[in-house]
Each structure stands twice: as structure tokens, then as C-alpha cells.
N, C-alpha and C. Protein backbone atom coordinates (compact mmCIF):
# COMPACT_ATOMS: atom_id res chain seq x y z
N MET A 1 -56.78 20.45 28.96
CA MET A 1 -56.14 20.88 27.74
C MET A 1 -54.66 21.20 28.00
N GLN A 2 -54.42 21.94 29.07
CA GLN A 2 -53.05 22.30 29.42
C GLN A 2 -52.23 21.03 29.72
N GLN A 3 -52.84 20.06 30.39
CA GLN A 3 -52.18 18.80 30.72
C GLN A 3 -51.81 18.02 29.45
N ALA A 4 -52.70 18.01 28.47
CA ALA A 4 -52.45 17.29 27.23
C ALA A 4 -51.27 17.89 26.47
N LEU A 5 -51.12 19.20 26.46
CA LEU A 5 -49.99 19.84 25.80
C LEU A 5 -48.69 19.50 26.51
N PHE A 6 -48.73 19.44 27.84
CA PHE A 6 -47.53 19.10 28.61
C PHE A 6 -47.08 17.67 28.29
N GLU A 7 -48.03 16.73 28.24
CA GLU A 7 -47.70 15.35 27.93
C GLU A 7 -47.15 15.22 26.51
N LEU A 8 -47.65 15.99 25.58
CA LEU A 8 -47.16 15.96 24.21
C LEU A 8 -45.71 16.43 24.15
N SER A 9 -45.38 17.49 24.93
CA SER A 9 -44.02 17.99 24.92
C SER A 9 -43.06 17.02 25.59
N VAL A 10 -43.52 16.28 26.59
CA VAL A 10 -42.68 15.27 27.23
C VAL A 10 -42.40 14.14 26.25
N MET A 11 -43.40 13.72 25.51
CA MET A 11 -43.19 12.67 24.52
C MET A 11 -42.22 13.14 23.43
N THR A 12 -42.33 14.38 23.02
CA THR A 12 -41.44 14.91 21.99
C THR A 12 -40.01 14.98 22.52
N ARG A 13 -39.88 15.39 23.78
CA ARG A 13 -38.56 15.47 24.37
C ARG A 13 -37.93 14.07 24.48
N ARG A 14 -38.72 13.09 24.87
CA ARG A 14 -38.22 11.71 24.95
C ARG A 14 -37.83 11.20 23.56
N ALA A 15 -38.66 11.48 22.58
CA ALA A 15 -38.34 11.05 21.22
C ALA A 15 -37.07 11.72 20.73
N LEU A 16 -36.89 12.99 21.07
CA LEU A 16 -35.69 13.72 20.69
C LEU A 16 -34.46 13.12 21.35
N MET A 17 -34.54 12.81 22.62
CA MET A 17 -33.41 12.21 23.34
C MET A 17 -33.07 10.83 22.77
N LEU A 18 -34.10 10.05 22.49
CA LEU A 18 -33.87 8.73 21.92
C LEU A 18 -33.25 8.85 20.53
N GLY A 19 -33.73 9.78 19.74
CA GLY A 19 -33.17 10.00 18.40
C GLY A 19 -31.72 10.46 18.47
N ALA A 20 -31.40 11.35 19.39
CA ALA A 20 -30.03 11.84 19.54
C ALA A 20 -29.10 10.72 19.97
N ALA A 21 -29.56 9.87 20.87
CA ALA A 21 -28.75 8.73 21.31
C ALA A 21 -28.51 7.76 20.16
N SER A 22 -29.54 7.52 19.38
CA SER A 22 -29.41 6.61 18.23
C SER A 22 -28.45 7.18 17.20
N LEU A 23 -28.56 8.47 16.95
CA LEU A 23 -27.70 9.12 15.96
C LEU A 23 -26.24 9.09 16.40
N SER A 24 -25.97 9.33 17.67
CA SER A 24 -24.58 9.31 18.13
C SER A 24 -24.02 7.89 18.09
N ALA A 25 -24.84 6.89 18.37
CA ALA A 25 -24.38 5.50 18.27
C ALA A 25 -24.09 5.14 16.84
N LEU A 26 -24.91 5.60 15.91
CA LEU A 26 -24.71 5.32 14.50
C LEU A 26 -23.46 6.02 13.98
N ALA A 27 -23.22 7.24 14.42
CA ALA A 27 -22.07 8.01 13.96
C ALA A 27 -20.76 7.43 14.48
N SER A 28 -20.79 6.73 15.61
CA SER A 28 -19.57 6.18 16.17
C SER A 28 -19.15 4.87 15.52
N THR A 29 -20.02 4.25 14.74
CA THR A 29 -19.67 2.99 14.06
C THR A 29 -19.06 3.30 12.70
N LYS A 30 -18.20 2.39 12.22
CA LYS A 30 -17.59 2.57 10.91
C LYS A 30 -18.61 2.30 9.83
N SER A 31 -18.61 3.15 8.83
CA SER A 31 -19.50 2.92 7.70
C SER A 31 -18.74 2.19 6.61
N HIS A 32 -19.46 1.68 5.62
CA HIS A 32 -18.86 0.92 4.53
C HIS A 32 -17.92 1.80 3.71
N ALA A 33 -18.23 3.05 3.57
CA ALA A 33 -17.42 3.95 2.74
C ALA A 33 -16.08 4.27 3.39
N VAL A 34 -15.98 4.20 4.71
CA VAL A 34 -14.73 4.51 5.39
C VAL A 34 -13.67 3.47 5.03
N VAL A 35 -14.06 2.23 4.86
CA VAL A 35 -13.13 1.15 4.58
C VAL A 35 -12.62 1.20 3.14
N MET A 36 -13.36 1.81 2.25
CA MET A 36 -12.99 1.83 0.84
C MET A 36 -11.87 2.82 0.58
N SER A 37 -11.10 2.56 -0.47
CA SER A 37 -9.95 3.41 -0.78
C SER A 37 -10.13 4.06 -2.15
N SER A 38 -10.94 5.09 -2.21
CA SER A 38 -11.20 5.72 -3.51
C SER A 38 -10.11 6.69 -3.91
N GLY A 39 -9.20 7.04 -3.02
CA GLY A 39 -8.18 8.00 -3.37
C GLY A 39 -6.91 7.38 -3.91
N SER A 40 -6.56 6.19 -3.45
CA SER A 40 -5.30 5.57 -3.85
C SER A 40 -5.47 4.72 -5.11
N LEU A 41 -4.38 4.57 -5.82
CA LEU A 41 -4.38 3.74 -7.02
C LEU A 41 -3.90 2.34 -6.66
N ARG A 42 -4.65 1.33 -7.08
CA ARG A 42 -4.30 -0.06 -6.78
C ARG A 42 -3.30 -0.60 -7.80
N SER A 43 -2.46 -1.52 -7.34
CA SER A 43 -1.55 -2.22 -8.24
C SER A 43 -2.29 -3.39 -8.89
N LEU A 44 -1.68 -4.02 -9.89
CA LEU A 44 -2.31 -5.14 -10.58
C LEU A 44 -2.63 -6.29 -9.62
N PRO A 45 -1.72 -6.73 -8.75
CA PRO A 45 -2.08 -7.79 -7.80
C PRO A 45 -3.23 -7.40 -6.86
N GLU A 46 -3.27 -6.13 -6.45
CA GLU A 46 -4.37 -5.67 -5.59
C GLU A 46 -5.69 -5.68 -6.35
N MET A 47 -5.65 -5.33 -7.63
CA MET A 47 -6.87 -5.34 -8.43
C MET A 47 -7.38 -6.76 -8.63
N MET A 48 -6.49 -7.71 -8.80
CA MET A 48 -6.89 -9.09 -9.04
C MET A 48 -7.39 -9.79 -7.78
N GLU A 49 -7.17 -9.21 -6.61
CA GLU A 49 -7.70 -9.79 -5.37
C GLU A 49 -9.23 -9.83 -5.38
N GLY A 50 -9.86 -8.94 -6.11
CA GLY A 50 -11.31 -8.88 -6.16
C GLY A 50 -11.94 -9.84 -7.15
N VAL A 51 -11.12 -10.56 -7.90
CA VAL A 51 -11.64 -11.46 -8.93
C VAL A 51 -11.83 -12.85 -8.34
N GLU A 52 -13.05 -13.31 -8.38
CA GLU A 52 -13.38 -14.62 -7.85
C GLU A 52 -12.76 -15.72 -8.70
N GLY A 53 -12.10 -16.66 -8.07
CA GLY A 53 -11.51 -17.78 -8.79
C GLY A 53 -10.06 -17.57 -9.21
N PHE A 54 -9.53 -16.36 -9.08
CA PHE A 54 -8.13 -16.13 -9.43
C PHE A 54 -7.27 -16.49 -8.23
N ASN A 55 -6.33 -17.40 -8.43
CA ASN A 55 -5.53 -17.91 -7.32
C ASN A 55 -4.19 -17.21 -7.15
N GLY A 56 -3.95 -16.14 -7.85
CA GLY A 56 -2.70 -15.41 -7.72
C GLY A 56 -1.60 -15.91 -8.64
N ASN A 57 -1.89 -16.88 -9.50
CA ASN A 57 -0.92 -17.43 -10.44
C ASN A 57 -0.87 -16.54 -11.68
N PHE A 58 0.10 -15.64 -11.72
CA PHE A 58 0.21 -14.71 -12.83
C PHE A 58 0.87 -15.34 -14.06
N GLU A 59 1.31 -16.61 -13.98
CA GLU A 59 1.88 -17.29 -15.14
C GLU A 59 0.79 -17.57 -16.18
N LYS A 60 -0.44 -17.79 -15.74
CA LYS A 60 -1.56 -18.04 -16.66
C LYS A 60 -2.32 -16.75 -16.97
N PHE A 61 -1.76 -15.62 -16.62
CA PHE A 61 -2.40 -14.31 -16.80
C PHE A 61 -1.67 -13.59 -17.92
N LYS A 62 -2.32 -13.48 -19.09
CA LYS A 62 -1.66 -12.95 -20.28
C LYS A 62 -2.39 -11.74 -20.84
N LYS A 63 -1.60 -10.80 -21.34
CA LYS A 63 -2.18 -9.64 -22.01
C LYS A 63 -2.36 -9.98 -23.48
N ALA A 64 -3.48 -10.64 -23.76
CA ALA A 64 -3.77 -11.10 -25.13
C ALA A 64 -5.26 -11.37 -25.24
N ARG A 65 -5.76 -11.45 -26.46
CA ARG A 65 -7.11 -11.87 -26.81
C ARG A 65 -8.22 -10.93 -26.35
N VAL A 66 -7.95 -10.00 -25.46
CA VAL A 66 -8.97 -9.07 -24.96
C VAL A 66 -8.72 -7.70 -25.57
N ASP A 67 -9.78 -7.09 -26.08
CA ASP A 67 -9.68 -5.75 -26.67
C ASP A 67 -10.63 -4.83 -25.91
N LEU A 68 -10.06 -3.96 -25.08
CA LEU A 68 -10.83 -2.99 -24.30
C LEU A 68 -10.79 -1.65 -25.03
N GLN A 69 -11.94 -1.15 -25.42
CA GLN A 69 -12.04 0.13 -26.12
C GLN A 69 -12.81 1.12 -25.25
N MET A 70 -12.18 2.26 -24.99
CA MET A 70 -12.85 3.35 -24.28
C MET A 70 -12.16 4.66 -24.59
N THR A 71 -12.86 5.72 -24.31
CA THR A 71 -12.33 7.04 -24.61
C THR A 71 -11.12 7.35 -23.72
N LEU A 72 -10.20 8.15 -24.23
CA LEU A 72 -9.03 8.53 -23.45
C LEU A 72 -9.35 9.66 -22.48
N LEU A 73 -10.33 10.50 -22.83
CA LEU A 73 -10.72 11.64 -22.01
C LEU A 73 -12.22 11.62 -21.79
N ALA A 74 -12.62 11.56 -20.54
CA ALA A 74 -14.04 11.58 -20.19
C ALA A 74 -14.34 12.89 -19.47
N ASP A 75 -15.24 13.67 -20.04
CA ASP A 75 -15.59 14.95 -19.41
C ASP A 75 -16.30 14.75 -18.08
N ASN A 76 -17.08 13.69 -17.99
CA ASN A 76 -17.88 13.44 -16.80
C ASN A 76 -17.75 11.96 -16.45
N GLY A 77 -17.36 11.66 -15.21
CA GLY A 77 -17.18 10.28 -14.78
C GLY A 77 -18.45 9.54 -14.46
N ASN A 78 -19.60 10.19 -14.58
CA ASN A 78 -20.86 9.53 -14.24
C ASN A 78 -21.27 8.46 -15.23
N SER A 79 -20.87 8.59 -16.48
CA SER A 79 -21.28 7.62 -17.50
C SER A 79 -20.23 7.57 -18.60
N VAL A 80 -19.29 6.64 -18.46
CA VAL A 80 -18.21 6.50 -19.43
C VAL A 80 -18.43 5.22 -20.22
N PRO A 81 -18.65 5.33 -21.54
CA PRO A 81 -18.89 4.12 -22.35
C PRO A 81 -17.60 3.34 -22.59
N LEU A 82 -17.76 2.02 -22.66
CA LEU A 82 -16.64 1.15 -23.00
C LEU A 82 -17.15 -0.12 -23.64
N SER A 83 -16.27 -0.79 -24.35
CA SER A 83 -16.62 -2.09 -24.95
C SER A 83 -15.46 -3.05 -24.76
N VAL A 84 -15.80 -4.30 -24.55
CA VAL A 84 -14.82 -5.36 -24.38
C VAL A 84 -15.15 -6.44 -25.40
N ASP A 85 -14.15 -6.81 -26.19
CA ASP A 85 -14.31 -7.87 -27.18
C ASP A 85 -13.20 -8.89 -26.97
N VAL A 86 -13.56 -10.14 -26.73
CA VAL A 86 -12.58 -11.19 -26.49
C VAL A 86 -12.63 -12.16 -27.66
N SER A 87 -11.47 -12.43 -28.25
CA SER A 87 -11.43 -13.38 -29.37
C SER A 87 -11.48 -14.80 -28.80
N SER A 88 -12.57 -15.47 -29.10
CA SER A 88 -12.80 -16.83 -28.63
C SER A 88 -13.73 -17.53 -29.59
N SER A 89 -13.52 -18.82 -29.79
CA SER A 89 -14.40 -19.58 -30.67
C SER A 89 -15.76 -19.85 -30.02
N MET A 90 -15.84 -19.70 -28.71
CA MET A 90 -17.07 -19.90 -27.93
C MET A 90 -17.69 -21.27 -28.23
N THR A 91 -16.85 -22.30 -28.25
CA THR A 91 -17.31 -23.67 -28.40
C THR A 91 -17.31 -24.36 -27.05
N GLU A 92 -17.85 -25.54 -27.00
CA GLU A 92 -17.89 -26.29 -25.75
C GLU A 92 -16.48 -26.59 -25.22
N GLN A 93 -15.53 -26.79 -26.14
CA GLN A 93 -14.16 -27.11 -25.74
C GLN A 93 -13.42 -25.89 -25.19
N GLU A 94 -13.67 -24.71 -25.75
CA GLU A 94 -12.97 -23.49 -25.32
C GLU A 94 -13.91 -22.29 -25.44
N HIS A 95 -14.23 -21.71 -24.31
CA HIS A 95 -15.08 -20.51 -24.34
C HIS A 95 -14.79 -19.63 -23.12
N ILE A 96 -15.23 -18.40 -23.22
CA ILE A 96 -15.07 -17.43 -22.13
C ILE A 96 -16.23 -17.62 -21.16
N THR A 97 -15.91 -17.73 -19.88
CA THR A 97 -16.95 -17.92 -18.86
C THR A 97 -17.31 -16.61 -18.16
N ASP A 98 -16.32 -15.74 -17.95
CA ASP A 98 -16.56 -14.48 -17.23
C ASP A 98 -15.72 -13.36 -17.81
N ILE A 99 -16.30 -12.17 -17.79
CA ILE A 99 -15.56 -10.94 -18.10
C ILE A 99 -15.74 -10.01 -16.91
N TYR A 100 -14.61 -9.55 -16.36
CA TYR A 100 -14.62 -8.63 -15.23
C TYR A 100 -14.15 -7.25 -15.69
N LEU A 101 -14.75 -6.21 -15.14
CA LEU A 101 -14.27 -4.84 -15.32
C LEU A 101 -13.79 -4.37 -13.97
N LEU A 102 -12.50 -4.06 -13.88
CA LEU A 102 -11.88 -3.68 -12.61
C LEU A 102 -11.42 -2.23 -12.66
N SER A 103 -11.54 -1.58 -11.53
CA SER A 103 -11.18 -0.17 -11.41
C SER A 103 -9.96 -0.01 -10.51
N GLN A 104 -9.06 0.84 -10.93
CA GLN A 104 -7.86 1.09 -10.15
C GLN A 104 -8.13 2.07 -9.00
N ARG A 105 -9.15 2.91 -9.11
CA ARG A 105 -9.37 3.95 -8.11
C ARG A 105 -10.76 3.94 -7.49
N ASN A 106 -11.76 3.40 -8.14
CA ASN A 106 -13.13 3.46 -7.61
C ASN A 106 -13.22 2.83 -6.21
N PRO A 107 -14.17 3.29 -5.40
CA PRO A 107 -14.35 2.69 -4.08
C PRO A 107 -14.69 1.20 -4.16
N VAL A 108 -15.41 0.81 -5.19
CA VAL A 108 -15.75 -0.60 -5.39
C VAL A 108 -14.84 -1.13 -6.50
N LEU A 109 -14.02 -2.12 -6.18
CA LEU A 109 -13.01 -2.63 -7.10
C LEU A 109 -13.60 -3.25 -8.36
N VAL A 110 -14.53 -4.19 -8.20
CA VAL A 110 -15.14 -4.88 -9.34
C VAL A 110 -16.35 -4.07 -9.78
N MET A 111 -16.20 -3.35 -10.90
CA MET A 111 -17.30 -2.53 -11.39
C MET A 111 -18.40 -3.38 -12.00
N ALA A 112 -18.02 -4.47 -12.66
CA ALA A 112 -19.01 -5.34 -13.29
C ALA A 112 -18.41 -6.72 -13.51
N ARG A 113 -19.30 -7.71 -13.51
CA ARG A 113 -18.92 -9.09 -13.85
C ARG A 113 -20.01 -9.64 -14.76
N PHE A 114 -19.58 -10.12 -15.92
CA PHE A 114 -20.52 -10.66 -16.90
C PHE A 114 -20.26 -12.15 -17.05
N HIS A 115 -21.30 -12.96 -16.87
CA HIS A 115 -21.21 -14.41 -17.04
C HIS A 115 -21.58 -14.75 -18.48
N LEU A 116 -20.73 -15.52 -19.13
CA LEU A 116 -20.95 -15.92 -20.51
C LEU A 116 -20.91 -17.44 -20.62
N GLY A 117 -21.34 -17.91 -21.75
CA GLY A 117 -21.29 -19.34 -22.02
C GLY A 117 -21.31 -19.58 -23.52
N VAL A 118 -21.39 -20.82 -23.90
CA VAL A 118 -21.41 -21.18 -25.31
C VAL A 118 -22.59 -20.55 -26.02
N ALA A 119 -23.73 -20.48 -25.33
CA ALA A 119 -24.94 -19.91 -25.93
C ALA A 119 -24.81 -18.41 -26.21
N SER A 120 -23.82 -17.75 -25.60
CA SER A 120 -23.62 -16.31 -25.86
C SER A 120 -23.23 -16.05 -27.31
N GLY A 121 -22.55 -17.01 -27.93
CA GLY A 121 -22.18 -16.86 -29.33
C GLY A 121 -20.93 -16.03 -29.54
N LYS A 122 -20.80 -14.92 -28.84
CA LYS A 122 -19.65 -14.04 -28.97
C LYS A 122 -19.33 -13.44 -27.61
N ALA A 123 -18.07 -13.36 -27.30
CA ALA A 123 -17.63 -12.79 -26.02
C ALA A 123 -17.42 -11.30 -26.20
N MET A 124 -18.52 -10.55 -26.11
CA MET A 124 -18.48 -9.11 -26.33
C MET A 124 -19.45 -8.42 -25.37
N VAL A 125 -19.00 -7.29 -24.81
CA VAL A 125 -19.80 -6.54 -23.85
C VAL A 125 -19.68 -5.05 -24.18
N ASN A 126 -20.80 -4.35 -24.20
CA ASN A 126 -20.84 -2.89 -24.31
C ASN A 126 -21.59 -2.37 -23.10
N THR A 127 -21.00 -1.41 -22.38
CA THR A 127 -21.64 -0.90 -21.18
C THR A 127 -21.13 0.51 -20.87
N ARG A 128 -21.63 1.07 -19.80
CA ARG A 128 -21.16 2.35 -19.28
C ARG A 128 -20.82 2.17 -17.82
N VAL A 129 -19.78 2.86 -17.37
CA VAL A 129 -19.33 2.73 -15.98
C VAL A 129 -19.17 4.11 -15.36
N ARG A 130 -19.19 4.14 -14.04
CA ARG A 130 -18.91 5.37 -13.29
C ARG A 130 -17.47 5.32 -12.81
N LEU A 131 -16.77 6.43 -12.93
CA LEU A 131 -15.36 6.46 -12.57
C LEU A 131 -15.07 7.58 -11.57
N ALA A 132 -14.29 7.24 -10.55
CA ALA A 132 -13.91 8.20 -9.51
C ALA A 132 -12.56 8.81 -9.84
N GLY A 133 -12.48 9.48 -10.95
CA GLY A 133 -11.25 10.16 -11.32
C GLY A 133 -10.44 9.41 -12.36
N SER A 134 -9.32 10.01 -12.74
CA SER A 134 -8.43 9.43 -13.75
C SER A 134 -7.81 8.15 -13.19
N GLN A 135 -7.78 7.11 -14.02
CA GLN A 135 -7.31 5.81 -13.55
C GLN A 135 -7.14 4.84 -14.70
N LYS A 136 -6.65 3.65 -14.34
CA LYS A 136 -6.51 2.55 -15.29
C LYS A 136 -7.69 1.61 -15.09
N ILE A 137 -8.28 1.18 -16.20
CA ILE A 137 -9.39 0.21 -16.19
C ILE A 137 -8.85 -1.10 -16.74
N LEU A 138 -9.22 -2.19 -16.11
CA LEU A 138 -8.77 -3.52 -16.52
C LEU A 138 -9.97 -4.36 -16.92
N ALA A 139 -9.89 -4.97 -18.09
CA ALA A 139 -10.90 -5.93 -18.53
C ALA A 139 -10.25 -7.30 -18.49
N VAL A 140 -10.80 -8.20 -17.69
CA VAL A 140 -10.22 -9.52 -17.47
C VAL A 140 -11.20 -10.57 -17.94
N ALA A 141 -10.72 -11.52 -18.74
CA ALA A 141 -11.56 -12.61 -19.24
C ALA A 141 -11.02 -13.94 -18.72
N GLN A 142 -11.94 -14.79 -18.27
CA GLN A 142 -11.58 -16.12 -17.79
C GLN A 142 -12.15 -17.16 -18.75
N THR A 143 -11.35 -18.18 -19.09
CA THR A 143 -11.81 -19.24 -19.97
C THR A 143 -12.26 -20.44 -19.14
N ASN A 144 -12.96 -21.35 -19.77
CA ASN A 144 -13.40 -22.56 -19.08
C ASN A 144 -12.23 -23.49 -18.78
N THR A 145 -11.08 -23.27 -19.41
CA THR A 145 -9.89 -24.09 -19.15
C THR A 145 -9.00 -23.51 -18.06
N GLY A 146 -9.43 -22.40 -17.46
CA GLY A 146 -8.68 -21.81 -16.34
C GLY A 146 -7.64 -20.79 -16.74
N GLU A 147 -7.64 -20.37 -17.98
CA GLU A 147 -6.70 -19.34 -18.42
C GLU A 147 -7.31 -17.96 -18.24
N TRP A 148 -6.45 -16.97 -18.04
CA TRP A 148 -6.87 -15.59 -17.80
C TRP A 148 -6.21 -14.68 -18.83
N TYR A 149 -7.01 -13.81 -19.43
CA TYR A 149 -6.52 -12.84 -20.39
C TYR A 149 -7.02 -11.46 -19.99
N PHE A 150 -6.26 -10.42 -20.35
CA PHE A 150 -6.67 -9.08 -19.96
C PHE A 150 -6.21 -8.03 -20.96
N ASP A 151 -6.82 -6.87 -20.83
CA ASP A 151 -6.40 -5.67 -21.53
C ASP A 151 -6.64 -4.51 -20.58
N GLU A 152 -5.90 -3.44 -20.76
CA GLU A 152 -6.04 -2.29 -19.88
C GLU A 152 -6.13 -1.01 -20.69
N ALA A 153 -6.75 0.00 -20.10
CA ALA A 153 -6.87 1.30 -20.75
C ALA A 153 -6.77 2.38 -19.69
N GLN A 154 -6.04 3.42 -20.01
CA GLN A 154 -5.91 4.57 -19.13
C GLN A 154 -6.93 5.61 -19.56
N VAL A 155 -7.67 6.18 -18.60
CA VAL A 155 -8.66 7.19 -18.92
C VAL A 155 -8.46 8.39 -17.99
N VAL A 156 -8.57 9.59 -18.56
CA VAL A 156 -8.48 10.83 -17.80
C VAL A 156 -9.91 11.34 -17.61
N VAL A 157 -10.31 11.54 -16.36
CA VAL A 157 -11.67 11.98 -16.02
C VAL A 157 -11.56 13.39 -15.45
N THR A 158 -12.27 14.35 -16.08
CA THR A 158 -12.19 15.73 -15.61
C THR A 158 -13.12 16.00 -14.44
N GLU A 159 -14.28 15.35 -14.39
CA GLU A 159 -15.21 15.51 -13.28
C GLU A 159 -15.52 14.12 -12.70
N SER A 160 -15.03 13.87 -11.50
CA SER A 160 -15.13 12.55 -10.89
C SER A 160 -16.57 12.22 -10.48
N ALA A 161 -16.84 10.92 -10.46
CA ALA A 161 -18.12 10.40 -9.96
C ALA A 161 -17.82 9.36 -8.89
N CYS A 162 -18.84 8.85 -8.26
CA CYS A 162 -18.80 7.77 -7.27
C CYS A 162 -17.72 7.94 -6.21
N VAL A 163 -17.49 9.16 -5.76
CA VAL A 163 -16.58 9.37 -4.65
C VAL A 163 -17.26 9.11 -3.31
N ASP A 164 -18.59 8.93 -3.35
CA ASP A 164 -19.34 8.64 -2.13
C ASP A 164 -19.64 7.16 -2.01
N ALA A 165 -18.83 6.30 -2.64
CA ALA A 165 -18.94 4.84 -2.58
C ALA A 165 -20.20 4.30 -3.18
N SER A 166 -20.76 4.97 -4.19
CA SER A 166 -21.95 4.45 -4.84
C SER A 166 -21.61 3.85 -6.18
């Protein structure tokens, strides 16, 4: 009986040492949240880096046709409602293919991407987003002809959310 208790404590000690070694190895590696920049405000070119298919040509990037509606003051950044309405005929010849919601301050740049097509009927999105503090939100729409349209809105957030990269 005494021998069995001794062997149990040796196994526990080994497990503890192995766990401590694993934990220190894990703590020494960079985590995904360390690389993110939730404190700094991004510029427009930095925000557009996260948009798939945008080649950096700001000549085809116009502030038109997109209507981003959201509150100016959000008491809580955990759930901020917004709507995006893009004026488009949504025909085979000309329609919106994607709508992006971009964040100037959140740890994750692209908050949402919505794929649309002719069958959508209308280029309109209603959703809620999490915001890591006061910032500018960008709604970007891409057409099937390669044109880009956007609208922006400034929002003041009194209680921040997603500061832990979630």
C-alpha cells in the first residue's frame, strides 16, 4: 500500500514537470493576438489591404452608391447594429458581388464579407458587429465589372469589445 502511494506521487510529479515544460514552451511562442493591432487606427490604404481582389488602384475606388447606416454612439461595443444598402440594378450586366465591412481599430480587419449575386435581388445587408472602441467603419462594395464603391461612418463606443482578438 505504501509503495502504491509512492508510485502515484512520482507519476504526479512527472506529470507536473511535463505540464510545466509544456506551458513554458507555449508561453514563449507568439500568439495570434500579439500580432494584431487593436490599439492603433488604420489608414484607408491599410484597411483596403485586407480586401481580397483589391489591387491598390484607388482610381476605381469611389465614395458613391453605398449607404452605411449606424448609430453615432454605441453604449456597448459587443453588439452594434448597422445596415448597408448599395444602389444597384442587380442584373446580369451590372451587379454587386461582395460587400465588406472593415474596421479601423478591431484586431481583425475584415469584420464581415457578404457574397451577393443576381439572385440576391437587392444589395442590402443588416447585421451587428463587435467594436474595439471608437473608430471609423468602412462598407465596401465590389461590382462584377471591377469597380469599387464605399461609405464610411464614425462611431463612438463607450465600452469596448473584442480587445482580446475575438
